[in-house]
């Protein structure tokens, strides 16, 4: 089903997940960093990043990105 005129579709957004050291979050013992996953939601039409977050697992990162895309589609969050 195509979106209504002016509506935003889920296909417009790309969710990219990268593995690496987390830069923020809960401090660890002796200043160690945690291995985590960074999720970036990008608007493919404009090429602009809409959301960046970090999580401890791949599944949580992807779910976080999906939740943000849903908020963009429903209008709870505005496009940047």
C-alpha atoms as a PDB file:
ATOM      1  CA  UNK A   1       0.000   0.000   0.000  1.00  0.00           C
ATOM      2  CA  UNK A   2       1.639   3.288  -1.054  1.00  0.00           C
ATOM      3  CA  UNK A   3       1.758   6.126   1.460  1.00  0.00           C
ATOM      4  CA  UNK A   4      -0.709   9.001   1.322  1.00  0.00           C
ATOM      5  CA  UNK A   5       0.574  12.120  -0.464  1.00  0.00           C
ATOM      6  CA  UNK A   6       3.066  13.892   1.781  1.00  0.00           C
ATOM      7  CA  UNK A   7       3.289  10.943   4.183  1.00  0.00           C
ATOM      8  CA  UNK A   8       6.615   9.355   5.068  1.00  0.00           C
ATOM      9  CA  UNK A   9       7.156   5.658   4.289  1.00  0.00           C
ATOM     10  CA  UNK A  10       9.351   3.178   6.148  1.00  0.00           C
ATOM     11  CA  UNK A  11      11.353   2.505   2.975  1.00  0.00           C
ATOM     12  CA  UNK A  12      12.638   6.084   3.059  1.00  0.00           C
ATOM     13  CA  UNK A  13      14.885   5.321   6.056  1.00  0.00           C
ATOM     14  CA  UNK A  14      18.027   3.184   6.253  1.00  0.00           C
ATOM     15  CA  UNK A  15      18.997   1.575   9.558  1.00  0.00           C
ATOM     16  CA  UNK A  16      22.737   0.913   9.792  1.00  0.00           C
ATOM     17  CA  UNK A  17      24.367  -0.913  12.682  1.00  0.00           C
ATOM     18  CA  UNK A  18      28.098  -0.889  13.387  1.00  0.00           C
ATOM     19  CA  UNK A  19      30.021  -2.793  16.042  1.00  0.00           C
ATOM     20  CA  UNK A  20      32.653  -1.029  18.094  1.00  0.00           C
ATOM     21  CA  UNK A  21      33.559   0.546  21.382  1.00  0.00           C
ATOM     22  CA  UNK A  22      30.788   2.493  23.048  1.00  0.00           C
ATOM     23  CA  UNK A  23      31.627   6.101  23.752  1.00  0.00           C
ATOM     24  CA  UNK A  24      28.969   6.850  26.353  1.00  0.00           C
ATOM     25  CA  UNK A  25      26.880   4.967  28.859  1.00  0.00           C
ATOM     26  CA  UNK A  26      27.441   3.298  32.178  1.00  0.00           C
ATOM     27  CA  UNK A  27      30.985   3.779  33.509  1.00  0.00           C
ATOM     28  CA  UNK A  28      32.920   0.558  33.895  1.00  0.00           C
ATOM     29  CA  UNK A  29      35.563  -0.518  36.393  1.00  0.00           C
ATOM     30  CA  UNK A  30      39.053   0.875  35.883  1.00  0.00           C
ATOM     31  CA  UNK A  31      37.943   3.076  32.998  1.00  0.00           C
ATOM     32  CA  UNK A  32      37.360   0.211  30.572  1.00  0.00           C
ATOM     33  CA  UNK A  33      35.036   0.658  27.618  1.00  0.00           C
ATOM     34  CA  UNK A  34      32.338  -1.762  26.527  1.00  0.00           C
ATOM     35  CA  UNK A  35      31.920  -3.382  23.174  1.00  0.00           C
ATOM     36  CA  UNK A  36      28.606  -2.251  21.760  1.00  0.00           C
ATOM     37  CA  UNK A  37      26.576  -1.514  18.682  1.00  0.00           C
ATOM     38  CA  UNK A  38      25.843   1.910  17.235  1.00  0.00           C
ATOM     39  CA  UNK A  39      22.628   2.395  15.290  1.00  0.00           C
ATOM     40  CA  UNK A  40      22.231   5.207  12.766  1.00  0.00           C
ATOM     41  CA  UNK A  41      18.891   6.012  11.121  1.00  0.00           C
ATOM     42  CA  UNK A  42      19.418   7.905   7.851  1.00  0.00           C
ATOM     43  CA  UNK A  43      16.892   9.601   5.594  1.00  0.00           C
ATOM     44  CA  UNK A  44      17.776   8.179   2.167  1.00  0.00           C
ATOM     45  CA  UNK A  45      15.956  10.984   0.355  1.00  0.00           C
ATOM     46  CA  UNK A  46      18.061  13.777   1.877  1.00  0.00           C
ATOM     47  CA  UNK A  47      21.053  11.754   3.139  1.00  0.00           C
ATOM     48  CA  UNK A  48      20.693  13.302   6.611  1.00  0.00           C
ATOM     49  CA  UNK A  49      21.150  11.395   9.849  1.00  0.00           C
ATOM     50  CA  UNK A  50      17.945  11.356  11.851  1.00  0.00           C
ATOM     51  CA  UNK A  51      19.024   9.379  14.915  1.00  0.00           C
ATOM     52  CA  UNK A  52      22.161   7.906  16.499  1.00  0.00           C
ATOM     53  CA  UNK A  53      22.183   5.611  19.529  1.00  0.00           C
ATOM     54  CA  UNK A  54      24.307   2.924  21.181  1.00  0.00           C
ATOM     55  CA  UNK A  55      23.230  -0.416  22.638  1.00  0.00           C
ATOM     56  CA  UNK A  56      24.854  -3.514  24.082  1.00  0.00           C
ATOM     57  CA  UNK A  57      23.401  -6.034  21.594  1.00  0.00           C
ATOM     58  CA  UNK A  58      22.700  -6.087  17.856  1.00  0.00           C
ATOM     59  CA  UNK A  59      19.021  -6.913  18.424  1.00  0.00           C
ATOM     60  CA  UNK A  60      18.527  -4.011  20.854  1.00  0.00           C
ATOM     61  CA  UNK A  61      20.226  -1.629  18.449  1.00  0.00           C
ATOM     62  CA  UNK A  62      18.016  -2.697  15.532  1.00  0.00           C
ATOM     63  CA  UNK A  63      14.862  -2.508  17.673  1.00  0.00           C
ATOM     64  CA  UNK A  64      15.861   0.992  18.808  1.00  0.00           C
ATOM     65  CA  UNK A  65      16.262   2.088  15.186  1.00  0.00           C
ATOM     66  CA  UNK A  66      12.900   0.567  14.231  1.00  0.00           C
ATOM     67  CA  UNK A  67      11.186   2.368  17.126  1.00  0.00           C
ATOM     68  CA  UNK A  68      12.586   5.697  15.984  1.00  0.00           C
ATOM     69  CA  UNK A  69      11.488   5.104  12.386  1.00  0.00           C
ATOM     70  CA  UNK A  70       7.989   4.331  13.681  1.00  0.00           C
ATOM     71  CA  UNK A  71       8.005   7.632  15.596  1.00  0.00           C
ATOM     72  CA  UNK A  72       9.004   9.476  12.414  1.00  0.00           C
ATOM     73  CA  UNK A  73       6.237   7.817  10.424  1.00  0.00           C
ATOM     74  CA  UNK A  74       3.525   8.486  13.021  1.00  0.00           C
ATOM     75  CA  UNK A  75       4.605  12.100  13.441  1.00  0.00           C
ATOM     76  CA  UNK A  76       5.769  11.863  17.076  1.00  0.00           C
ATOM     77  CA  UNK A  77       9.222  12.972  15.883  1.00  0.00           C
ATOM     78  CA  UNK A  78       9.925  15.475  13.110  1.00  0.00           C
ATOM     79  CA  UNK A  79      12.298  15.001  10.220  1.00  0.00           C
ATOM     80  CA  UNK A  80      15.554  16.953  10.518  1.00  0.00           C
END
